[in-house]
Amino acid sequence: DLASPKPTLYERVGDFARTRAAVWLVFAWAFAEALWWPVIPDF
């Protein structure tokens, strides 16, 4: 495992985007932005 190539940042973000956690994070981010959070969910 140490000798094998490590996933790139792009691959790690992509792996996260394919999880349920990413979907819930996006949902929570958008919900919070509609109330107070200043950064749009599109980001």
PDB file of all heavy atoms in Angstrom:
ATOM      1  N   ASP A   1       0.834  -1.212   0.000  1.00  0.00           N
ATOM      2  CA  ASP A   1       0.000   0.000   0.000  1.00  0.00           C
ATOM      3  C   ASP A   1       0.866   1.259   0.000  1.00  0.00           C
ATOM      4  O   ASP A   1       0.553   2.250  -0.671  1.00  0.00           O
ATOM      5  CB  ASP A   1      -0.917   0.020   1.225  1.00  0.00           C
ATOM      6  CG  ASP A   1      -2.056  -0.968   1.101  1.00  0.00           C
ATOM      7  OD1 ASP A   1      -2.276  -1.490  -0.001  1.00  0.00           O
ATOM      8  OD2 ASP A   1      -2.724  -1.221   2.127  1.00  0.00           O
ATOM      9  N   LEU A   2       1.965   1.223   0.756  1.00  0.00           N
ATOM     10  CA  LEU A   2       2.867   2.376   0.785  1.00  0.00           C
ATOM     11  C   LEU A   2       3.518   2.612  -0.569  1.00  0.00           C
ATOM     12  O   LEU A   2       3.773   3.747  -0.965  1.00  0.00           O
ATOM     13  CB  LEU A   2       3.955   2.186   1.848  1.00  0.00           C
ATOM     14  CG  LEU A   2       3.523   2.238   3.312  1.00  0.00           C
ATOM     15  CD1 LEU A   2       4.744   2.072   4.212  1.00  0.00           C
ATOM     16  CD2 LEU A   2       2.824   3.552   3.629  1.00  0.00           C
ATOM     17  N   ALA A   3       3.803   1.515  -1.281  1.00  0.00           N
ATOM     18  CA  ALA A   3       4.492   1.636  -2.567  1.00  0.00           C
ATOM     19  C   ALA A   3       3.547   1.993  -3.708  1.00  0.00           C
ATOM     20  O   ALA A   3       3.996   2.465  -4.756  1.00  0.00           O
ATOM     21  CB  ALA A   3       5.210   0.328  -2.896  1.00  0.00           C
ATOM     22  N   SER A   4       2.239   1.779  -3.514  1.00  0.00           N
ATOM     23  CA  SER A   4       1.291   2.048  -4.597  1.00  0.00           C
ATOM     24  C   SER A   4       1.043   3.539  -4.722  1.00  0.00           C
ATOM     25  O   SER A   4       1.158   4.282  -3.747  1.00  0.00           O
ATOM     26  CB  SER A   4      -0.030   1.324  -4.330  1.00  0.00           C
ATOM     27  OG  SER A   4      -0.613   1.785  -3.133  1.00  0.00           O
ATOM     28  N   PRO A   5       0.691   4.002  -5.921  1.00  0.00           N
ATOM     29  CA  PRO A   5       0.436   5.434  -6.129  1.00  0.00           C
ATOM     30  C   PRO A   5      -0.728   5.921  -5.260  1.00  0.00           C
ATOM     31  O   PRO A   5      -1.727   5.242  -5.105  1.00  0.00           O
ATOM     32  CB  PRO A   5       0.077   5.515  -7.623  1.00  0.00           C
ATOM     33  CG  PRO A   5       0.613   4.256  -8.223  1.00  0.00           C
ATOM     34  CD  PRO A   5       0.549   3.222  -7.153  1.00  0.00           C
ATOM     35  N   LYS A   6      -0.563   7.095  -4.682  1.00  0.00           N
ATOM     36  CA  LYS A   6      -1.603   7.678  -3.843  1.00  0.00           C
ATOM     37  C   LYS A   6      -2.628   8.411  -4.712  1.00  0.00           C
ATOM     38  O   LYS A   6      -2.273   8.989  -5.738  1.00  0.00           O
ATOM     39  CB  LYS A   6      -0.986   8.649  -2.826  1.00  0.00           C
ATOM     40  CG  LYS A   6       0.046   8.002  -1.922  1.00  0.00           C
ATOM     41  CD  LYS A   6      -0.581   6.886  -1.110  1.00  0.00           C
ATOM     42  CE  LYS A   6       0.420   6.231  -0.174  1.00  0.00           C
ATOM     43  NZ  LYS A   6       1.462   5.477  -0.860  1.00  0.00           N
ATOM     44  N   PRO A   7      -3.900   8.375  -4.317  1.00  0.00           N
ATOM     45  CA  PRO A   7      -4.919   9.082  -5.105  1.00  0.00           C
ATOM     46  C   PRO A   7      -4.651  10.583  -5.144  1.00  0.00           C
ATOM     47  O   PRO A   7      -4.188  11.163  -4.157  1.00  0.00           O
ATOM     48  CB  PRO A   7      -6.223   8.767  -4.356  1.00  0.00           C
ATOM     49  CG  PRO A   7      -5.798   8.397  -2.973  1.00  0.00           C
ATOM     50  CD  PRO A   7      -4.464   7.742  -3.128  1.00  0.00           C
ATOM     51  N   THR A   8      -4.911  11.189  -6.274  1.00  0.00           N
ATOM     52  CA  THR A   8      -4.737  12.630  -6.409  1.00  0.00           C
ATOM     53  C   THR A   8      -5.858  13.356  -5.673  1.00  0.00           C
ATOM     54  O   THR A   8      -6.868  12.755  -5.281  1.00  0.00           O
ATOM     55  CB  THR A   8      -4.762  13.041  -7.889  1.00  0.00           C
ATOM     56  OG1 THR A   8      -6.069  12.735  -8.426  1.00  0.00           O
ATOM     57  CG2 THR A   8      -3.702  12.288  -8.682  1.00  0.00           C
ATOM     58  N   LEU A   9      -5.685  14.663  -5.486  1.00  0.00           N
ATOM     59  CA  LEU A   9      -6.724  15.474  -4.846  1.00  0.00           C
ATOM     60  C   LEU A   9      -8.015  15.391  -5.649  1.00  0.00           C
ATOM     61  O   LEU A   9      -9.106  15.292  -5.084  1.00  0.00           O
ATOM     62  CB  LEU A   9      -6.257  16.927  -4.736  1.00  0.00           C
ATOM     63  CG  LEU A   9      -7.265  17.922  -4.163  1.00  0.00           C
ATOM     64  CD1 LEU A   9      -7.643  17.543  -2.739  1.00  0.00           C
ATOM     65  CD2 LEU A   9      -6.702  19.341  -4.215  1.00  0.00           C
ATOM     66  N   TYR A  10      -7.897  15.404  -6.970  1.00  0.00           N
ATOM     67  CA  TYR A  10      -9.069  15.298  -7.844  1.00  0.00           C
ATOM     68  C   TYR A  10      -9.808  13.989  -7.595  1.00  0.00           C
ATOM     69  O   TYR A  10     -11.049  13.959  -7.502  1.00  0.00           O
ATOM     70  CB  TYR A  10      -8.602  15.389  -9.301  1.00  0.00           C
ATOM     71  CG  TYR A  10      -9.689  15.209 -10.324  1.00  0.00           C
ATOM     72  CD1 TYR A  10     -10.640  16.197 -10.525  1.00  0.00           C
ATOM     73  CD2 TYR A  10      -9.762  14.056 -11.104  1.00  0.00           C
ATOM     74  CE1 TYR A  10     -11.640  16.051 -11.483  1.00  0.00           C
ATOM     75  CE2 TYR A  10     -10.757  13.893 -12.056  1.00  0.00           C
ATOM     76  CZ  TYR A  10     -11.687  14.892 -12.245  1.00  0.00           C
ATOM     77  OH  TYR A  10     -12.671  14.737 -13.179  1.00  0.00           O
ATOM     78  N   GLU A  11      -9.067  12.890  -7.446  1.00  0.00           N
ATOM     79  CA  GLU A  11      -9.686  11.590  -7.200  1.00  0.00           C
ATOM     80  C   GLU A  11     -10.330  11.527  -5.821  1.00  0.00           C
ATOM     81  O   GLU A  11     -11.413  10.949  -5.658  1.00  0.00           O
ATOM     82  CB  GLU A  11      -8.642  10.478  -7.353  1.00  0.00           C
ATOM     83  CG  GLU A  11      -8.175  10.283  -8.790  1.00  0.00           C
ATOM     84  CD  GLU A  11      -6.959   9.368  -8.903  1.00  0.00           C
ATOM     85  OE1 GLU A  11      -6.200   9.260  -7.905  1.00  0.00           O
ATOM     86  OE2 GLU A  11      -6.776   8.776  -9.966  1.00  0.00           O
ATOM     87  N   ARG A  12      -9.675  12.131  -4.833  1.00  0.00           N
ATOM     88  CA  ARG A  12     -10.247  12.111  -3.484  1.00  0.00           C
ATOM     89  C   ARG A  12     -11.543  12.919  -3.420  1.00  0.00           C
ATOM     90  O   ARG A  12     -12.513  12.504  -2.780  1.00  0.00           O
ATOM     91  CB  ARG A  12      -9.237  12.651  -2.465  1.00  0.00           C
ATOM     92  CG  ARG A  12      -8.041  11.735  -2.263  1.00  0.00           C
ATOM     93  CD  ARG A  12      -7.326  12.047  -0.964  1.00  0.00           C
ATOM     94  NE  ARG A  12      -6.742  13.376  -0.928  1.00  0.00           N
ATOM     95  CZ  ARG A  12      -5.522  13.679  -1.341  1.00  0.00           C
ATOM     96  NH1 ARG A  12      -4.753  12.727  -1.859  1.00  0.00           N
ATOM     97  NH2 ARG A  12      -5.055  14.908  -1.260  1.00  0.00           N
ATOM     98  N   VAL A  13     -11.558  14.077  -4.082  1.00  0.00           N
ATOM     99  CA  VAL A  13     -12.795  14.873  -4.111  1.00  0.00           C
ATOM    100  C   VAL A  13     -13.886  14.115  -4.860  1.00  0.00           C
ATOM    101  O   VAL A  13     -15.049  14.093  -4.439  1.00  0.00           O
ATOM    102  CB  VAL A  13     -12.539  16.245  -4.760  1.00  0.00           C
ATOM    103  CG1 VAL A  13     -13.854  17.016  -4.942  1.00  0.00           C
ATOM    104  CG2 VAL A  13     -11.573  17.068  -3.921  1.00  0.00           C
ATOM    105  N   GLY A  14     -13.513  13.454  -5.959  1.00  0.00           N
ATOM    106  CA  GLY A  14     -14.478  12.679  -6.720  1.00  0.00           C
ATOM    107  C   GLY A  14     -15.036  11.517  -5.916  1.00  0.00           C
ATOM    108  O   GLY A  14     -16.243  11.241  -5.952  1.00  0.00           O
ATOM    109  N   ASP A  15     -14.170  10.839  -5.160  1.00  0.00           N
ATOM    110  CA  ASP A  15     -14.627   9.731  -4.320  1.00  0.00           C
ATOM    111  C   ASP A  15     -15.617  10.228  -3.269  1.00  0.00           C
ATOM    112  O   ASP A  15     -16.627   9.575  -2.984  1.00  0.00           O
ATOM    113  CB  ASP A  15     -13.436   9.054  -3.630  1.00  0.00           C
ATOM    114  CG  ASP A  15     -12.577   8.254  -4.600  1.00  0.00           C
ATOM    115  OD1 ASP A  15     -13.062   7.947  -5.706  1.00  0.00           O
ATOM    116  OD2 ASP A  15     -11.420   7.950  -4.258  1.00  0.00           O
ATOM    117  N   PHE A  16     -15.308  11.395  -2.678  1.00  0.00           N
ATOM    118  CA  PHE A  16     -16.231  11.950  -1.682  1.00  0.00           C
ATOM    119  C   PHE A  16     -17.557  12.335  -2.327  1.00  0.00           C
ATOM    120  O   PHE A  16     -18.631  12.110  -1.756  1.00  0.00           O
ATOM    121  CB  PHE A  16     -15.616  13.167  -1.003  1.00  0.00           C
ATOM    122  CG  PHE A  16     -16.567  13.878  -0.074  1.00  0.00           C
ATOM    123  CD1 PHE A  16     -16.930  13.303   1.130  1.00  0.00           C
ATOM    124  CD2 PHE A  16     -17.118  15.104  -0.432  1.00  0.00           C
ATOM    125  CE1 PHE A  16     -17.831  13.937   1.986  1.00  0.00           C
ATOM    126  CE2 PHE A  16     -18.020  15.739   0.410  1.00  0.00           C
ATOM    127  CZ  PHE A  16     -18.371  15.154   1.620  1.00  0.00           C
ATOM    128  N   ALA A  17     -17.498  12.921  -3.523  1.00  0.00           N
ATOM    129  CA  ALA A  17     -18.720  13.362  -4.201  1.00  0.00           C
ATOM    130  C   ALA A  17     -19.666  12.203  -4.486  1.00  0.00           C
ATOM    131  O   ALA A  17     -20.875  12.408  -4.646  1.00  0.00           O
ATOM    132  CB  ALA A  17     -18.365  14.082  -5.499  1.00  0.00           C
ATOM    133  N   ARG A  18     -19.145  10.985  -4.531  1.00  0.00           N
ATOM    134  CA  ARG A  18     -19.964   9.807  -4.819  1.00  0.00           C
ATOM    135  C   ARG A  18     -20.552   9.171  -3.565  1.00  0.00           C
ATOM    136  O   ARG A  18     -21.174   8.110  -3.642  1.00  0.00           O
ATOM    137  CB  ARG A  18     -19.131   8.783  -5.598  1.00  0.00           C
ATOM    138  CG  ARG A  18     -18.669   9.299  -6.966  1.00  0.00           C
ATOM    139  CD  ARG A  18     -17.826   8.275  -7.714  1.00  0.00           C
ATOM    140  NE  ARG A  18     -17.303   8.835  -8.962  1.00  0.00           N
ATOM    141  CZ  ARG A  18     -16.127   9.434  -9.075  1.00  0.00           C
ATOM    142  NH1 ARG A  18     -15.329   9.521  -8.004  1.00  0.00           N
ATOM    143  NH2 ARG A  18     -15.734   9.935 -10.225  1.00  0.00           N
ATOM    144  N   THR A  19     -20.363   9.784  -2.425  1.00  0.00           N
ATOM    145  CA  THR A  19     -20.884   9.239  -1.176  1.00  0.00           C
ATOM    146  C   THR A  19     -22.187   9.922  -0.777  1.00  0.00           C
ATOM    147  O   THR A  19     -22.514  11.016  -1.246  1.00  0.00           O
ATOM    148  CB  THR A  19     -19.857   9.430  -0.036  1.00  0.00           C
ATOM    149  OG1 THR A  19     -19.684  10.835   0.219  1.00  0.00           O
ATOM    150  CG2 THR A  19     -18.511   8.807  -0.406  1.00  0.00           C
ATOM    151  N   ARG A  20     -22.910   9.262   0.125  1.00  0.00           N
ATOM    152  CA  ARG A  20     -24.130   9.872   0.667  1.00  0.00           C
ATOM    153  C   ARG A  20     -23.792  11.108   1.486  1.00  0.00           C
ATOM    154  O   ARG A  20     -24.581  12.061   1.544  1.00  0.00           O
ATOM    155  CB  ARG A  20     -24.860   8.864   1.556  1.00  0.00           C
ATOM    156  CG  ARG A  20     -25.530   7.729   0.795  1.00  0.00           C
ATOM    157  CD  ARG A  20     -26.292   6.839   1.760  1.00  0.00           C
ATOM    158  NE  ARG A  20     -26.951   5.738   1.068  1.00  0.00           N
ATOM    159  CZ  ARG A  20     -27.683   4.817   1.676  1.00  0.00           C
ATOM    160  NH1 ARG A  20     -27.843   4.876   3.000  1.00  0.00           N
ATOM    161  NH2 ARG A  20     -28.250   3.852   0.986  1.00  0.00           N
ATOM    162  N   ALA A  21     -22.625  11.082   2.128  1.00  0.00           N
ATOM    163  CA  ALA A  21     -22.228  12.220   2.950  1.00  0.00           C
ATOM    164  C   ALA A  21     -22.163  13.496   2.119  1.00  0.00           C
ATOM    165  O   ALA A  21     -22.517  14.581   2.598  1.00  0.00           O
ATOM    166  CB  ALA A  21     -20.878  11.953   3.611  1.00  0.00           C
ATOM    167  N   ALA A  22     -21.701  13.378   0.867  1.00  0.00           N
ATOM    168  CA  ALA A  22     -21.618  14.554   0.000  1.00  0.00           C
ATOM    169  C   ALA A  22     -23.011  15.109  -0.295  1.00  0.00           C
ATOM    170  O   ALA A  22     -23.227  16.330  -0.304  1.00  0.00           O
ATOM    171  CB  ALA A  22     -20.901  14.196  -1.298  1.00  0.00           C
ATOM    172  N   VAL A  23     -23.961  14.224  -0.519  1.00  0.00           N
ATOM    173  CA  VAL A  23     -25.331  14.662  -0.812  1.00  0.00           C
ATOM    174  C   VAL A  23     -25.920  15.395   0.391  1.00  0.00           C
ATOM    175  O   VAL A  23     -26.522  16.467   0.269  1.00  0.00           O
ATOM    176  CB  VAL A  23     -26.209  13.454  -1.191  1.00  0.00           C
ATOM    177  CG1 VAL A  23     -27.662  13.892  -1.401  1.00  0.00           C
ATOM    178  CG2 VAL A  23     -25.678  12.797  -2.464  1.00  0.00           C
ATOM    179  N   TRP A  24     -25.704  14.832   1.585  1.00  0.00           N
ATOM    180  CA  TRP A  24     -26.219  15.476   2.786  1.00  0.00           C
ATOM    181  C   TRP A  24     -25.500  16.787   3.074  1.00  0.00           C
ATOM    182  O   TRP A  24     -26.113  17.751   3.560  1.00  0.00           O
ATOM    183  CB  TRP A  24     -26.108  14.532   3.977  1.00  0.00           C
ATOM    184  CG  TRP A  24     -27.174  13.490   4.004  1.00  0.00           C
ATOM    185  CD1 TRP A  24     -27.037  12.154   3.771  1.00  0.00           C
ATOM    186  CD2 TRP A  24     -28.573  13.703   4.253  1.00  0.00           C
ATOM    187  NE1 TRP A  24     -28.245  11.511   3.857  1.00  0.00           N
ATOM    188  CE2 TRP A  24     -29.211  12.441   4.155  1.00  0.00           C
ATOM    189  CE3 TRP A  24     -29.339  14.821   4.550  1.00  0.00           C
ATOM    190  CZ2 TRP A  24     -30.584  12.289   4.348  1.00  0.00           C
ATOM    191  CZ3 TRP A  24     -30.703  14.670   4.735  1.00  0.00           C
ATOM    192  CH2 TRP A  24     -31.305  13.408   4.638  1.00  0.00           C
ATOM    193  N   LEU A  25     -24.206  16.840   2.785  1.00  0.00           N
ATOM    194  CA  LEU A  25     -23.464  18.083   2.986  1.00  0.00           C
ATOM    195  C   LEU A  25     -24.001  19.183   2.084  1.00  0.00           C
ATOM    196  O   LEU A  25     -24.204  20.330   2.516  1.00  0.00           O
ATOM    197  CB  LEU A  25     -21.973  17.862   2.717  1.00  0.00           C
ATOM    198  CG  LEU A  25     -21.082  19.123   2.774  1.00  0.00           C
ATOM    199  CD1 LEU A  25     -21.148  19.753   4.160  1.00  0.00           C
ATOM    200  CD2 LEU A  25     -19.650  18.787   2.393  1.00  0.00           C
ATOM    201  N   VAL A  26     -24.230  18.857   0.830  1.00  0.00           N
ATOM    202  CA  VAL A  26     -24.769  19.835  -0.121  1.00  0.00           C
ATOM    203  C   VAL A  26     -26.151  20.310   0.342  1.00  0.00           C
ATOM    204  O   VAL A  26     -26.467  21.505   0.305  1.00  0.00           O
ATOM    205  CB  VAL A  26     -24.834  19.205  -1.526  1.00  0.00           C
ATOM    206  CG1 VAL A  26     -25.739  20.017  -2.442  1.00  0.00           C
ATOM    207  CG2 VAL A  26     -23.440  19.099  -2.126  1.00  0.00           C
ATOM    208  N   PHE A  27     -26.979  19.359   0.777  1.00  0.00           N
ATOM    209  CA  PHE A  27     -28.324  19.709   1.260  1.00  0.00           C
ATOM    210  C   PHE A  27     -28.235  20.648   2.457  1.00  0.00           C
ATOM    211  O   PHE A  27     -28.909  21.691   2.511  1.00  0.00           O
ATOM    212  CB  PHE A  27     -29.078  18.427   1.644  1.00  0.00           C
ATOM    213  CG  PHE A  27     -30.447  18.666   2.214  1.00  0.00           C
ATOM    214  CD1 PHE A  27     -31.554  18.750   1.379  1.00  0.00           C
ATOM    215  CD2 PHE A  27     -30.635  18.810   3.582  1.00  0.00           C
ATOM    216  CE1 PHE A  27     -32.828  18.984   1.904  1.00  0.00           C
ATOM    217  CE2 PHE A  27     -31.894  19.045   4.116  1.00  0.00           C
ATOM    218  CZ  PHE A  27     -32.996  19.127   3.270  1.00  0.00           C
ATOM    219  N   ALA A  28     -27.392  20.299   3.434  1.00  0.00           N
ATOM    220  CA  ALA A  28     -27.264  21.114   4.645  1.00  0.00           C
ATOM    221  C   ALA A  28     -26.679  22.491   4.330  1.00  0.00           C
ATOM    222  O   ALA A  28     -27.101  23.504   4.905  1.00  0.00           O
ATOM    223  CB  ALA A  28     -26.385  20.389   5.671  1.00  0.00           C
ATOM    224  N   TRP A  29     -25.697  22.528   3.438  1.00  0.00           N
ATOM    225  CA  TRP A  29     -25.078  23.801   3.027  1.00  0.00           C
ATOM    226  C   TRP A  29     -26.143  24.724   2.420  1.00  0.00           C
ATOM    227  O   TRP A  29     -26.233  25.910   2.772  1.00  0.00           O
ATOM    228  CB  TRP A  29     -23.973  23.505   2.025  1.00  0.00           C
ATOM    229  CG  TRP A  29     -23.147  24.677   1.580  1.00  0.00           C
ATOM    230  CD1 TRP A  29     -23.580  25.838   1.004  1.00  0.00           C
ATOM    231  CD2 TRP A  29     -21.715  24.796   1.667  1.00  0.00           C
ATOM    232  NE1 TRP A  29     -22.522  26.662   0.703  1.00  0.00           N
ATOM    233  CE2 TRP A  29     -21.361  26.051   1.106  1.00  0.00           C
ATOM    234  CE3 TRP A  29     -20.702  23.968   2.131  1.00  0.00           C
ATOM    235  CZ2 TRP A  29     -20.041  26.483   1.007  1.00  0.00           C
ATOM    236  CZ3 TRP A  29     -19.388  24.398   2.035  1.00  0.00           C
ATOM    237  CH2 TRP A  29     -19.056  25.640   1.488  1.00  0.00           C
ATOM    238  N   ALA A  30     -26.948  24.175   1.509  1.00  0.00           N
ATOM    239  CA  ALA A  30     -27.971  24.977   0.841  1.00  0.00           C
ATOM    240  C   ALA A  30     -29.039  25.446   1.819  1.00  0.00           C
ATOM    241  O   ALA A  30     -29.515  26.588   1.753  1.00  0.00           O
ATOM    242  CB  ALA A  30     -28.601  24.162  -0.292  1.00  0.00           C
ATOM    243  N   PHE A  31     -29.416  24.566   2.737  1.00  0.00           N
ATOM    244  CA  PHE A  31     -30.411  24.935   3.754  1.00  0.00           C
ATOM    245  C   PHE A  31     -29.889  26.089   4.608  1.00  0.00           C
ATOM    246  O   PHE A  31     -30.599  27.066   4.868  1.00  0.00           O
ATOM    247  CB  PHE A  31     -30.727  23.716   4.631  1.00  0.00           C
ATOM    248  CG  PHE A  31     -31.752  23.986   5.696  1.00  0.00           C
ATOM    249  CD1 PHE A  31     -33.101  23.847   5.419  1.00  0.00           C
ATOM    250  CD2 PHE A  31     -31.360  24.377   6.965  1.00  0.00           C
ATOM    251  CE1 PHE A  31     -34.057  24.101   6.405  1.00  0.00           C
ATOM    252  CE2 PHE A  31     -32.299  24.632   7.952  1.00  0.00           C
ATOM    253  CZ  PHE A  31     -33.653  24.494   7.668  1.00  0.00           C
ATOM    254  N   ALA A  32     -28.631  25.957   5.052  1.00  0.00           N
ATOM    255  CA  ALA A  32     -28.038  27.000   5.901  1.00  0.00           C
ATOM    256  C   ALA A  32     -27.890  28.315   5.148  1.00  0.00           C
ATOM    257  O   ALA A  32     -28.096  29.397   5.713  1.00  0.00           O
ATOM    258  CB  ALA A  32     -26.686  26.525   6.423  1.00  0.00           C
ATOM    259  N   GLU A  33     -27.556  28.239   3.854  1.00  0.00           N
ATOM    260  CA  GLU A  33     -27.370  29.468   3.072  1.00  0.00           C
ATOM    261  C   GLU A  33     -28.682  30.228   2.901  1.00  0.00           C
ATOM    262  O   GLU A  33     -28.704  31.454   2.803  1.00  0.00           O
ATOM    263  CB  GLU A  33     -26.773  29.124   1.708  1.00  0.00           C
ATOM    264  CG  GLU A  33     -26.261  30.318   0.914  1.00  0.00           C
ATOM    265  CD  GLU A  33     -27.335  30.958   0.052  1.00  0.00           C
ATOM    266  OE1 GLU A  33     -28.323  30.251  -0.280  1.00  0.00           O
ATOM    267  OE2 GLU A  33     -27.192  32.152  -0.307  1.00  0.00           O
ATOM    268  N   ALA A  34     -29.780  29.489   2.884  1.00  0.00           N
ATOM    269  CA  ALA A  34     -31.080  30.135   2.742  1.00  0.00           C
ATOM    270  C   ALA A  34     -31.506  30.846   4.017  1.00  0.00           C
ATOM    271  O   ALA A  34     -32.450  31.648   3.994  1.00  0.00           O
ATOM    272  CB  ALA A  34     -32.139  29.093   2.353  1.00  0.00           C
ATOM    273  N   LEU A  35     -30.795  30.574   5.112  1.00  0.00           N
ATOM    274  CA  LEU A  35     -31.114  31.225   6.379  1.00  0.00           C
ATOM    275  C   LEU A  35     -30.090  32.285   6.768  1.00  0.00           C
ATOM    276  O   LEU A  35     -30.451  33.396   7.144  1.00  0.00           O
ATOM    277  CB  LEU A  35     -31.195  30.178   7.498  1.00  0.00           C
ATOM    278  CG  LEU A  35     -32.380  29.212   7.449  1.00  0.00           C
ATOM    279  CD1 LEU A  35     -32.164  28.065   8.418  1.00  0.00           C
ATOM    280  CD2 LEU A  35     -33.667  29.955   7.797  1.00  0.00           C
ATOM    281  N   TRP A  36     -28.799  31.907   6.697  1.00  0.00           N
ATOM    282  CA  TRP A  36     -27.777  32.827   7.220  1.00  0.00           C
ATOM    283  C   TRP A  36     -26.404  32.635   6.580  1.00  0.00           C
ATOM    284  O   TRP A  36     -25.679  33.598   6.360  1.00  0.00           O
ATOM    285  CB  TRP A  36     -27.650  32.631   8.733  1.00  0.00           C
ATOM    286  CG  TRP A  36     -26.680  33.555   9.381  1.00  0.00           C
ATOM    287  CD1 TRP A  36     -26.896  34.858   9.733  1.00  0.00           C
ATOM    288  CD2 TRP A  36     -25.315  33.271   9.745  1.00  0.00           C
ATOM    289  NE1 TRP A  36     -25.764  35.396  10.307  1.00  0.00           N
ATOM    290  CE2 TRP A  36     -24.777  34.438  10.322  1.00  0.00           C
ATOM    291  CE3 TRP A  36     -24.517  32.143   9.647  1.00  0.00           C
ATOM    292  CZ2 TRP A  36     -23.462  34.502  10.791  1.00  0.00           C
ATOM    293  CZ3 TRP A  36     -23.209  32.199  10.118  1.00  0.00           C
ATOM    294  CH2 TRP A  36     -22.697  33.373  10.685  1.00  0.00           C
ATOM    295  N   TRP A  37     -25.999  31.392   6.292  1.00  0.00           N
ATOM    296  CA  TRP A  37     -24.666  31.092   5.760  1.00  0.00           C
ATOM    297  C   TRP A  37     -24.402  31.925   4.509  1.00  0.00           C
ATOM    298  O   TRP A  37     -25.236  31.967   3.599  1.00  0.00           O
ATOM    299  CB  TRP A  37     -24.572  29.603   5.462  1.00  0.00           C
ATOM    300  CG  TRP A  37     -23.266  29.136   4.886  1.00  0.00           C
ATOM    301  CD1 TRP A  37     -23.065  28.616   3.642  1.00  0.00           C
ATOM    302  CD2 TRP A  37     -21.979  29.126   5.522  1.00  0.00           C
ATOM    303  NE1 TRP A  37     -21.749  28.282   3.459  1.00  0.00           N
ATOM    304  CE2 TRP A  37     -21.056  28.592   4.598  1.00  0.00           C
ATOM    305  CE3 TRP A  37     -21.519  29.529   6.764  1.00  0.00           C
ATOM    306  CZ2 TRP A  37     -19.699  28.447   4.895  1.00  0.00           C
ATOM    307  CZ3 TRP A  37     -20.179  29.387   7.060  1.00  0.00           C
ATOM    308  CH2 TRP A  37     -19.294  28.847   6.132  1.00  0.00           C
ATOM    309  N   PRO A  38     -23.249  32.597   4.411  1.00  0.00           N
ATOM    310  CA  PRO A  38     -23.050  33.574   3.341  1.00  0.00           C
ATOM    311  C   PRO A  38     -22.592  33.017   1.990  1.00  0.00           C
ATOM    312  O   PRO A  38     -22.610  33.757   1.006  1.00  0.00           O
ATOM    313  CB  PRO A  38     -21.973  34.502   3.924  1.00  0.00           C
ATOM    314  CG  PRO A  38     -21.184  33.625   4.833  1.00  0.00           C
ATOM    315  CD  PRO A  38     -22.173  32.672   5.435  1.00  0.00           C
ATOM    316  N   VAL A  39     -22.147  31.757   1.923  1.00  0.00           N
ATOM    317  CA  VAL A  39     -21.582  31.232   0.675  1.00  0.00           C
ATOM    318  C   VAL A  39     -22.610  30.361  -0.037  1.00  0.00           C
ATOM    319  O   VAL A  39     -23.132  29.402   0.535  1.00  0.00           O
ATOM    320  CB  VAL A  39     -20.303  30.418   0.947  1.00  0.00           C
ATOM    321  CG1 VAL A  39     -19.691  29.932  -0.370  1.00  0.00           C
ATOM    322  CG2 VAL A  39     -19.290  31.251   1.724  1.00  0.00           C
ATOM    323  N   ILE A  40     -22.872  30.670  -1.297  1.00  0.00           N
ATOM    324  CA  ILE A  40     -23.913  29.989  -2.055  1.00  0.00           C
ATOM    325  C   ILE A  40     -23.589  28.499  -2.235  1.00  0.00           C
ATOM    326  O   ILE A  40     -22.424  28.108  -2.335  1.00  0.00           O
ATOM    327  CB  ILE A  40     -24.086  30.651  -3.448  1.00  0.00           C
ATOM    328  CG1 ILE A  40     -22.754  30.656  -4.217  1.00  0.00           C
ATOM    329  CG2 ILE A  40     -24.645  32.052  -3.314  1.00  0.00           C
ATOM    330  CD1 ILE A  40     -22.866  31.188  -5.626  1.00  0.00           C
ATOM    331  N   PRO A  41     -24.606  27.633  -2.298  1.00  0.00           N
ATOM    332  CA  PRO A  41     -24.362  26.198  -2.475  1.00  0.00           C
ATOM    333  C   PRO A  41     -23.738  25.865  -3.825  1.00  0.00           C
ATOM    334  O   PRO A  41     -23.074  24.838  -3.968  1.00  0.00           O
ATOM    335  CB  PRO A  41     -25.761  25.585  -2.327  1.00  0.00           C
ATOM    336  CG  PRO A  41     -26.714  26.690  -2.633  1.00  0.00           C
ATOM    337  CD  PRO A  41     -26.052  27.934  -2.149  1.00  0.00           C
ATOM    338  N   ASP A  42     -23.942  26.730  -4.809  1.00  0.00           N
ATOM    339  CA  ASP A  42     -23.355  26.505  -6.132  1.00  0.00           C
ATOM    340  C   ASP A  42     -21.838  26.349  -6.041  1.00  0.00           C
ATOM    341  O   ASP A  42     -21.227  25.611  -6.821  1.00  0.00           O
ATOM    342  CB  ASP A  42     -23.663  27.684  -7.067  1.00  0.00           C
ATOM    343  CG  ASP A  42     -25.085  28.167  -6.977  1.00  0.00           C
ATOM    344  OD1 ASP A  42     -25.608  28.243  -5.846  1.00  0.00           O
ATOM    345  OD2 ASP A  42     -25.666  28.487  -8.017  1.00  0.00           O
ATOM    346  N   PHE A  43     -21.223  27.066  -5.103  1.00  0.00           N
ATOM    347  CA  PHE A  43     -19.772  27.002  -4.915  1.00  0.00           C
ATOM    348  C   PHE A  43     -19.321  25.567  -4.668  1.00  0.00           C
ATOM    349  O   PHE A  43     -18.362  25.095  -5.270  1.00  0.00           O
ATOM    350  CB  PHE A  43     -19.387  27.894  -3.729  1.00  0.00           C
ATOM    351  CG  PHE A  43     -17.939  27.803  -3.323  1.00  0.00           C
ATOM    352  CD1 PHE A  43     -16.979  28.550  -3.975  1.00  0.00           C
ATOM    353  CD2 PHE A  43     -17.549  26.970  -2.282  1.00  0.00           C
ATOM    354  CE1 PHE A  43     -15.637  28.469  -3.609  1.00  0.00           C
ATOM    355  CE2 PHE A  43     -16.221  26.883  -1.897  1.00  0.00           C
ATOM    356  CZ  PHE A  43     -15.260  27.634  -2.570  1.00  0.00           C
TER     357      PHE A  43
END
